[in-house]
């Protein structure tokens, strides 16, 4: 069994490479690098059944641009 906690990402861009991702310690946000910026996801109280079992849902809340 893996020690990696995984979560389901809800919302955000349709072209995210993956919707099930490893997450940081409980309560921390997930940040996904995509197209010159970061998509930010926050934990919710929800859980959903997935092909990888019942996972917590992290919901998209903002995008930030990477300065070049």
PDB file of N, CA and C in Angstrom:
ATOM      1  N   UNK A   1       0.845  -1.189   0.000  1.00  0.00           N
ATOM      2  CA  UNK A   1       0.000   0.000   0.000  1.00  0.00           C
ATOM      3  C   UNK A   1       0.881   1.240   0.000  1.00  0.00           C
ATOM      4  N   UNK A   2       0.487   2.253  -0.755  1.00  0.00           N
ATOM      5  CA  UNK A   2       1.263   3.482  -0.889  1.00  0.00           C
ATOM      6  C   UNK A   2       0.988   4.428   0.274  1.00  0.00           C
ATOM      7  N   UNK A   3       2.013   5.204   0.659  1.00  0.00           N
ATOM      8  CA  UNK A   3       1.838   6.210   1.688  1.00  0.00           C
ATOM      9  C   UNK A   3       1.367   7.530   1.107  1.00  0.00           C
ATOM     10  N   UNK A   4       1.262   7.610  -0.209  1.00  0.00           N
ATOM     11  CA  UNK A   4       0.877   8.843  -0.880  1.00  0.00           C
ATOM     12  C   UNK A   4      -0.631   9.029  -0.809  1.00  0.00           C
ATOM     13  N   UNK A   5      -1.050  10.170  -0.293  1.00  0.00           N
ATOM     14  CA  UNK A   5      -2.462  10.522  -0.290  1.00  0.00           C
ATOM     15  C   UNK A   5      -2.791  11.099  -1.654  1.00  0.00           C
ATOM     16  N   UNK A   6      -3.929  10.711  -2.179  1.00  0.00           N
ATOM     17  CA  UNK A   6      -4.341  11.200  -3.494  1.00  0.00           C
ATOM     18  C   UNK A   6      -5.678  11.906  -3.347  1.00  0.00           C
ATOM     19  N   UNK A   7      -5.966  12.772  -4.316  1.00  0.00           N
ATOM     20  CA  UNK A   7      -7.221  13.521  -4.291  1.00  0.00           C
ATOM     21  C   UNK A   7      -7.755  13.678  -5.701  1.00  0.00           C
ATOM     22  N   UNK A   8      -9.033  13.957  -5.782  1.00  0.00           N
ATOM     23  CA  UNK A   8      -9.712  14.227  -7.047  1.00  0.00           C
ATOM     24  C   UNK A   8      -9.838  15.732  -7.210  1.00  0.00           C
ATOM     25  N   UNK A   9      -9.392  16.254  -8.367  1.00  0.00           N
ATOM     26  CA  UNK A   9      -9.495  17.689  -8.649  1.00  0.00           C
ATOM     27  C   UNK A   9     -10.802  17.980  -9.376  1.00  0.00           C
ATOM     28  N   UNK A  10     -11.540  18.964  -8.885  1.00  0.00           N
ATOM     29  CA  UNK A  10     -12.814  19.370  -9.480  1.00  0.00           C
ATOM     30  C   UNK A  10     -12.693  20.799  -9.994  1.00  0.00           C
ATOM     31  N   UNK A  11     -13.275  21.053 -11.165  1.00  0.00           N
ATOM     32  CA  UNK A  11     -13.252  22.392 -11.735  1.00  0.00           C
ATOM     33  C   UNK A  11     -11.938  22.693 -12.414  1.00  0.00           C
ATOM     34  N   UNK A  12     -11.736  23.967 -12.728  1.00  0.00           N
ATOM     35  CA  UNK A  12     -10.508  24.371 -13.411  1.00  0.00           C
ATOM     36  C   UNK A  12     -10.546  24.051 -14.892  1.00  0.00           C
ATOM     37  N   UNK A  13      -9.398  24.153 -15.560  1.00  0.00           N
ATOM     38  CA  UNK A  13      -9.338  23.941 -17.000  1.00  0.00           C
ATOM     39  C   UNK A  13      -9.698  22.506 -17.404  1.00  0.00           C
ATOM     40  N   UNK A  14     -10.340  22.379 -18.562  1.00  0.00           N
ATOM     41  CA  UNK A  14     -10.700  21.057 -19.076  1.00  0.00           C
ATOM     42  C   UNK A  14      -9.479  20.251 -19.487  1.00  0.00           C
ATOM     43  N   UNK A  15      -8.353  20.918 -19.776  1.00  0.00           N
ATOM     44  CA  UNK A  15      -7.179  20.209 -20.290  1.00  0.00           C
ATOM     45  C   UNK A  15      -6.133  19.875 -19.219  1.00  0.00           C
ATOM     46  N   UNK A  16      -6.548  19.787 -17.955  1.00  0.00           N
ATOM     47  CA  UNK A  16      -5.605  19.333 -16.922  1.00  0.00           C
ATOM     48  C   UNK A  16      -5.110  17.938 -17.305  1.00  0.00           C
ATOM     49  N   UNK A  17      -3.809  17.672 -17.156  1.00  0.00           N
ATOM     50  CA  UNK A  17      -3.294  16.366 -17.558  1.00  0.00           C
ATOM     51  C   UNK A  17      -3.849  15.210 -16.723  1.00  0.00           C
ATOM     52  N   UNK A  18      -4.152  15.455 -15.452  1.00  0.00           N
ATOM     53  CA  UNK A  18      -4.704  14.413 -14.582  1.00  0.00           C
ATOM     54  C   UNK A  18      -5.695  15.026 -13.609  1.00  0.00           C
ATOM     55  N   UNK A  19      -6.696  14.244 -13.235  1.00  0.00           N
ATOM     56  CA  UNK A  19      -7.684  14.693 -12.246  1.00  0.00           C
ATOM     57  C   UNK A  19      -7.466  14.038 -10.887  1.00  0.00           C
ATOM     58  N   UNK A  20      -6.701  12.952 -10.850  1.00  0.00           N
ATOM     59  CA  UNK A  20      -6.350  12.312  -9.579  1.00  0.00           C
ATOM     60  C   UNK A  20      -4.858  12.526  -9.379  1.00  0.00           C
ATOM     61  N   UNK A  21      -4.517  13.227  -8.292  1.00  0.00           N
ATOM     62  CA  UNK A  21      -3.130  13.648  -8.073  1.00  0.00           C
ATOM     63  C   UNK A  21      -2.707  13.417  -6.623  1.00  0.00           C
ATOM     64  N   UNK A  22      -1.381  13.320  -6.381  1.00  0.00           N
ATOM     65  CA  UNK A  22      -0.905  13.294  -4.999  1.00  0.00           C
ATOM     66  C   UNK A  22      -1.159  14.655  -4.357  1.00  0.00           C
ATOM     67  N   UNK A  23      -1.403  14.660  -3.073  1.00  0.00           N
ATOM     68  CA  UNK A  23      -1.653  15.922  -2.370  1.00  0.00           C
ATOM     69  C   UNK A  23      -0.675  16.103  -1.216  1.00  0.00           C
ATOM     70  N   UNK A  24      -0.449  17.358  -0.823  1.00  0.00           N
ATOM     71  CA  UNK A  24       0.401  17.642   0.330  1.00  0.00           C
ATOM     72  C   UNK A  24      -0.319  17.252   1.624  1.00  0.00           C
ATOM     73  N   UNK A  25       0.269  17.525   2.778  1.00  0.00           N
ATOM     74  CA  UNK A  25      -0.377  17.191   4.054  1.00  0.00           C
ATOM     75  C   UNK A  25      -1.794  17.751   4.135  1.00  0.00           C
ATOM     76  N   UNK A  26      -2.643  17.129   4.948  1.00  0.00           N
ATOM     77  CA  UNK A  26      -4.051  17.550   5.055  1.00  0.00           C
ATOM     78  C   UNK A  26      -4.201  19.053   5.276  1.00  0.00           C
ATOM     79  N   UNK A  27      -5.162  19.632   4.557  1.00  0.00           N
ATOM     80  CA  UNK A  27      -5.463  21.052   4.692  1.00  0.00           C
ATOM     81  C   UNK A  27      -4.691  21.964   3.770  1.00  0.00           C
ATOM     82  N   UNK A  28      -3.605  21.466   3.147  1.00  0.00           N
ATOM     83  CA  UNK A  28      -2.807  22.294   2.239  1.00  0.00           C
ATOM     84  C   UNK A  28      -3.432  22.307   0.846  1.00  0.00           C
ATOM     85  N   UNK A  29      -3.180  23.383   0.105  1.00  0.00           N
ATOM     86  CA  UNK A  29      -3.678  23.499  -1.264  1.00  0.00           C
ATOM     87  C   UNK A  29      -2.830  22.666  -2.223  1.00  0.00           C
ATOM     88  N   UNK A  30      -3.421  22.320  -3.374  1.00  0.00           N
ATOM     89  CA  UNK A  30      -2.697  21.666  -4.467  1.00  0.00           C
ATOM     90  C   UNK A  30      -2.448  22.723  -5.533  1.00  0.00           C
ATOM     91  N   UNK A  31      -1.234  22.755  -6.085  1.00  0.00           N
ATOM     92  CA  UNK A  31      -0.871  23.729  -7.120  1.00  0.00           C
ATOM     93  C   UNK A  31      -0.349  22.934  -8.317  1.00  0.00           C
ATOM     94  N   UNK A  32      -1.009  23.096  -9.485  1.00  0.00           N
ATOM     95  CA  UNK A  32      -0.657  22.374 -10.701  1.00  0.00           C
ATOM     96  C   UNK A  32      -0.110  23.363 -11.732  1.00  0.00           C
ATOM     97  N   UNK A  33       1.111  23.114 -12.218  1.00  0.00           N
ATOM     98  CA  UNK A  33       1.701  23.974 -13.247  1.00  0.00           C
ATOM     99  C   UNK A  33       1.068  23.634 -14.598  1.00  0.00           C
ATOM    100  N   UNK A  34       0.575  24.666 -15.296  1.00  0.00           N
ATOM    101  CA  UNK A  34      -0.102  24.454 -16.574  1.00  0.00           C
ATOM    102  C   UNK A  34      -0.064  25.732 -17.407  1.00  0.00           C
ATOM    103  N   UNK A  35       0.393  25.619 -18.648  1.00  0.00           N
ATOM    104  CA  UNK A  35       0.358  26.713 -19.628  1.00  0.00           C
ATOM    105  C   UNK A  35       0.831  28.057 -19.073  1.00  0.00           C
ATOM    106  N   UNK A  36       2.017  28.124 -18.510  1.00  0.00           N
ATOM    107  CA  UNK A  36       2.571  29.399 -18.064  1.00  0.00           C
ATOM    108  C   UNK A  36       2.002  29.935 -16.768  1.00  0.00           C
ATOM    109  N   UNK A  37       1.368  29.079 -16.007  1.00  0.00           N
ATOM    110  CA  UNK A  37       0.819  29.512 -14.731  1.00  0.00           C
ATOM    111  C   UNK A  37       0.575  28.332 -13.818  1.00  0.00           C
ATOM    112  N   UNK A  38      -0.113  28.599 -12.720  1.00  0.00           N
ATOM    113  CA  UNK A  38      -0.477  27.554 -11.768  1.00  0.00           C
ATOM    114  C   UNK A  38      -1.979  27.575 -11.560  1.00  0.00           C
ATOM    115  N   UNK A  39      -2.566  26.387 -11.524  1.00  0.00           N
ATOM    116  CA  UNK A  39      -3.975  26.209 -11.168  1.00  0.00           C
ATOM    117  C   UNK A  39      -3.990  25.805  -9.699  1.00  0.00           C
ATOM    118  N   UNK A  40      -4.779  26.511  -8.889  1.00  0.00           N
ATOM    119  CA  UNK A  40      -4.812  26.281  -7.445  1.00  0.00           C
ATOM    120  C   UNK A  40      -6.124  25.593  -7.063  1.00  0.00           C
ATOM    121  N   UNK A  41      -6.003  24.568  -6.240  1.00  0.00           N
ATOM    122  CA  UNK A  41      -7.148  23.787  -5.768  1.00  0.00           C
ATOM    123  C   UNK A  41      -7.128  23.735  -4.250  1.00  0.00           C
ATOM    124  N   UNK A  42      -8.291  23.915  -3.630  1.00  0.00           N
ATOM    125  CA  UNK A  42      -8.425  23.891  -2.166  1.00  0.00           C
ATOM    126  C   UNK A  42      -9.206  22.654  -1.744  1.00  0.00           C
ATOM    127  N   UNK A  43      -8.880  22.114  -0.560  1.00  0.00           N
ATOM    128  CA  UNK A  43      -9.635  20.960  -0.070  1.00  0.00           C
ATOM    129  C   UNK A  43     -11.078  21.342   0.257  1.00  0.00           C
ATOM    130  N   UNK A  44     -11.974  20.394   0.048  1.00  0.00           N
ATOM    131  CA  UNK A  44     -13.380  20.575   0.415  1.00  0.00           C
ATOM    132  C   UNK A  44     -13.736  19.503   1.442  1.00  0.00           C
ATOM    133  N   UNK A  45     -14.950  19.517   1.903  1.00  0.00           N
ATOM    134  CA  UNK A  45     -15.444  18.485   2.825  1.00  0.00           C
ATOM    135  C   UNK A  45     -15.939  17.259   2.062  1.00  0.00           C
ATOM    136  N   UNK A  46     -16.018  17.364   0.729  1.00  0.00           N
ATOM    137  CA  UNK A  46     -16.588  16.297  -0.104  1.00  0.00           C
ATOM    138  C   UNK A  46     -15.589  15.176  -0.377  1.00  0.00           C
ATOM    139  N   UNK A  47     -16.143  13.999  -0.668  1.00  0.00           N
ATOM    140  CA  UNK A  47     -15.392  12.838  -1.139  1.00  0.00           C
ATOM    141  C   UNK A  47     -16.178  12.237  -2.301  1.00  0.00           C
ATOM    142  N   UNK A  48     -15.469  11.611  -3.240  1.00  0.00           N
ATOM    143  CA  UNK A  48     -16.131  10.944  -4.362  1.00  0.00           C
ATOM    144  C   UNK A  48     -15.501   9.588  -4.594  1.00  0.00           C
ATOM    145  N   UNK A  49     -16.327   8.649  -5.060  1.00  0.00           N
ATOM    146  CA  UNK A  49     -15.828   7.332  -5.435  1.00  0.00           C
ATOM    147  C   UNK A  49     -15.187   7.434  -6.807  1.00  0.00           C
ATOM    148  N   UNK A  50     -13.962   6.906  -6.937  1.00  0.00           N
ATOM    149  CA  UNK A  50     -13.227   6.930  -8.201  1.00  0.00           C
ATOM    150  C   UNK A  50     -12.703   5.531  -8.485  1.00  0.00           C
ATOM    151  N   UNK A  51     -12.017   5.384  -9.607  1.00  0.00           N
ATOM    152  CA  UNK A  51     -11.398   4.105  -9.933  1.00  0.00           C
ATOM    153  C   UNK A  51     -10.288   3.760  -8.941  1.00  0.00           C
ATOM    154  N   UNK A  52      -9.820   4.758  -8.179  1.00  0.00           N
ATOM    155  CA  UNK A  52      -8.772   4.539  -7.181  1.00  0.00           C
ATOM    156  C   UNK A  52      -9.329   4.526  -5.756  1.00  0.00           C
ATOM    157  N   UNK A  53     -10.636   4.360  -5.638  1.00  0.00           N
ATOM    158  CA  UNK A  53     -11.276   4.336  -4.321  1.00  0.00           C
ATOM    159  C   UNK A  53     -11.924   5.674  -3.985  1.00  0.00           C
ATOM    160  N   UNK A  54     -12.361   5.795  -2.753  1.00  0.00           N
ATOM    161  CA  UNK A  54     -13.011   7.036  -2.296  1.00  0.00           C
ATOM    162  C   UNK A  54     -11.927   8.058  -1.970  1.00  0.00           C
ATOM    163  N   UNK A  55     -12.002   9.204  -2.642  1.00  0.00           N
ATOM    164  CA  UNK A  55     -10.955  10.226  -2.500  1.00  0.00           C
ATOM    165  C   UNK A  55     -11.538  11.571  -2.083  1.00  0.00           C
ATOM    166  N   UNK A  56     -10.748  12.379  -1.357  1.00  0.00           N
ATOM    167  CA  UNK A  56     -11.187  13.740  -1.054  1.00  0.00           C
ATOM    168  C   UNK A  56     -11.215  14.572  -2.336  1.00  0.00           C
ATOM    169  N   UNK A  57     -12.118  15.535  -2.378  1.00  0.00           N
ATOM    170  CA  UNK A  57     -12.252  16.415  -3.538  1.00  0.00           C
ATOM    171  C   UNK A  57     -11.595  17.752  -3.231  1.00  0.00           C
ATOM    172  N   UNK A  58     -10.717  18.188  -4.135  1.00  0.00           N
ATOM    173  CA  UNK A  58     -10.106  19.516  -4.078  1.00  0.00           C
ATOM    174  C   UNK A  58     -10.718  20.321  -5.215  1.00  0.00           C
ATOM    175  N   UNK A  59     -11.202  21.524  -4.908  1.00  0.00           N
ATOM    176  CA  UNK A  59     -11.919  22.341  -5.883  1.00  0.00           C
ATOM    177  C   UNK A  59     -11.056  23.511  -6.359  1.00  0.00           C
ATOM    178  N   UNK A  60     -11.091  23.763  -7.670  1.00  0.00           N
ATOM    179  CA  UNK A  60     -10.344  24.868  -8.265  1.00  0.00           C
ATOM    180  C   UNK A  60     -10.852  26.174  -7.685  1.00  0.00           C
ATOM    181  N   UNK A  61      -9.892  27.104  -7.403  1.00  0.00           N
ATOM    182  CA  UNK A  61     -10.336  28.412  -6.907  1.00  0.00           C
ATOM    183  C   UNK A  61      -9.624  29.584  -7.557  1.00  0.00           C
ATOM    184  N   UNK A  62      -8.437  29.369  -8.180  1.00  0.00           N
ATOM    185  CA  UNK A  62      -7.825  30.483  -8.896  1.00  0.00           C
ATOM    186  C   UNK A  62      -6.670  30.008  -9.759  1.00  0.00           C
ATOM    187  N   UNK A  63      -6.261  30.889 -10.661  1.00  0.00           N
ATOM    188  CA  UNK A  63      -5.088  30.676 -11.504  1.00  0.00           C
ATOM    189  C   UNK A  63      -4.136  31.842 -11.272  1.00  0.00           C
ATOM    190  N   UNK A  64      -2.840  31.542 -11.171  1.00  0.00           N
ATOM    191  CA  UNK A  64      -1.831  32.590 -11.098  1.00  0.00           C
ATOM    192  C   UNK A  64      -0.865  32.407 -12.257  1.00  0.00           C
ATOM    193  N   UNK A  65      -0.369  33.507 -12.779  1.00  0.00           N
ATOM    194  CA  UNK A  65       0.581  33.482 -13.894  1.00  0.00           C
ATOM    195  C   UNK A  65       2.004  33.401 -13.371  1.00  0.00           C
ATOM    196  N   UNK A  66       2.880  32.757 -14.134  1.00  0.00           N
ATOM    197  CA  UNK A  66       4.298  32.690 -13.805  1.00  0.00           C
ATOM    198  C   UNK A  66       4.975  33.868 -14.478  1.00  0.00           C
ATOM    199  N   UNK A  67       5.696  34.682 -13.716  1.00  0.00           N
ATOM    200  CA  UNK A  67       6.420  35.821 -14.293  1.00  0.00           C
ATOM    201  C   UNK A  67       7.610  35.300 -15.110  1.00  0.00           C
ATOM    202  N   UNK A  68       7.773  35.858 -16.288  1.00  0.00           N
ATOM    203  CA  UNK A  68       8.886  35.438 -17.152  1.00  0.00           C
ATOM    204  C   UNK A  68       9.856  36.550 -17.380  1.00  0.00           C
TER     205      UNK A  68
END
